[in-house]
Amino acid sequence: MVMHVGYKFDIDKNGLLLSDVDSELEPHSQVKIDKTPLDVGDEFVLELDQFGCMFFKRKGPHQLDLNL
């Protein structure tokens, strides 16, 4: 679990936007996709957990590389 109070995001009828950008004063503010297990093109379904918290669950199944 990651807990960070400073993240900025927008939620509207079109989806969720993580809106932080890097700046000179805060060079590591933006969430970088290469630091996550996600890929551009991944699709998600919005669900609620047992506490009523929003959870964006990745749709699957996903083909894994065999690395042969």
Protein backbone atom coordinates (compact mmCIF):
# COMPACT_ATOMS: atom_id res chain seq x y z
CA MET A 1 0.00 0.00 0.00
CA VAL A 2 1.19 3.49 -0.83
CA MET A 3 0.02 6.36 1.32
CA HIS A 4 0.89 9.86 0.22
CA VAL A 5 -1.14 12.91 1.19
CA GLY A 6 0.22 15.15 -1.57
CA TYR A 7 -1.10 13.38 -4.69
CA LYS A 8 -3.46 15.44 -6.85
CA PHE A 9 -6.12 13.74 -8.92
CA ASP A 10 -9.37 14.54 -10.67
CA ILE A 11 -12.35 12.21 -10.95
CA ASP A 12 -15.19 13.00 -13.34
CA LYS A 13 -17.61 11.10 -15.59
CA ASN A 14 -14.74 10.30 -17.99
CA GLY A 15 -12.41 8.72 -15.44
CA LEU A 16 -9.54 9.33 -13.06
CA LEU A 17 -6.63 11.64 -13.87
CA LEU A 18 -3.47 11.70 -11.74
CA SER A 19 -2.66 15.38 -12.26
CA ASP A 20 0.68 15.83 -10.48
CA VAL A 21 3.57 17.01 -12.65
CA ASP A 22 7.25 17.28 -11.81
CA SER A 23 8.61 20.75 -11.12
CA GLU A 24 11.95 22.26 -10.19
CA LEU A 25 10.91 22.46 -6.52
CA GLU A 26 9.31 18.99 -6.50
CA PRO A 27 11.13 16.89 -9.11
CA HIS A 28 9.55 13.57 -8.03
CA SER A 29 5.89 14.57 -7.72
CA GLN A 30 4.51 12.78 -10.77
CA VAL A 31 3.52 9.13 -10.52
CA LYS A 32 5.56 7.41 -13.27
CA ILE A 33 4.04 4.39 -14.99
CA ASP A 34 7.44 2.67 -15.10
CA LYS A 35 7.41 2.64 -11.28
CA THR A 36 4.11 0.68 -11.27
CA PRO A 37 3.06 -2.79 -12.45
CA LEU A 38 0.69 -1.10 -14.97
CA ASP A 39 0.98 -0.59 -18.74
CA VAL A 40 -0.55 1.90 -21.17
CA GLY A 41 -3.68 0.22 -22.53
CA ASP A 42 -4.57 -1.66 -19.36
CA GLU A 43 -8.32 -1.66 -18.70
CA PHE A 44 -9.98 -1.46 -15.30
CA VAL A 45 -13.37 -2.03 -13.71
CA LEU A 46 -14.46 0.17 -10.83
CA GLU A 47 -15.45 -1.88 -7.77
CA LEU A 48 -16.01 -1.20 -4.09
CA ASP A 49 -14.17 -3.10 -1.38
CA GLN A 50 -15.71 -4.31 1.87
CA PHE A 51 -15.27 -0.83 3.39
CA GLY A 52 -16.86 1.02 0.45
CA CYS A 53 -13.49 2.25 -0.87
CA MET A 54 -13.15 2.60 -4.64
CA PHE A 55 -10.92 -0.01 -6.24
CA PHE A 56 -9.89 0.06 -9.90
CA LYS A 57 -9.46 -3.66 -10.68
CA ARG A 58 -7.46 -4.53 -13.77
CA LYS A 59 -9.39 -6.60 -16.30
CA GLY A 60 -7.84 -9.85 -17.37
CA PRO A 61 -6.75 -12.44 -18.24
CA HIS A 62 -3.31 -11.20 -19.19
CA GLN A 63 -0.85 -13.04 -21.39
CA LEU A 64 2.48 -13.41 -19.63
CA ASP A 65 5.78 -13.44 -21.51
CA LEU A 66 7.51 -16.81 -21.41
CA ASN A 67 10.99 -15.26 -21.62
CA LEU A 68 12.39 -18.26 -23.51
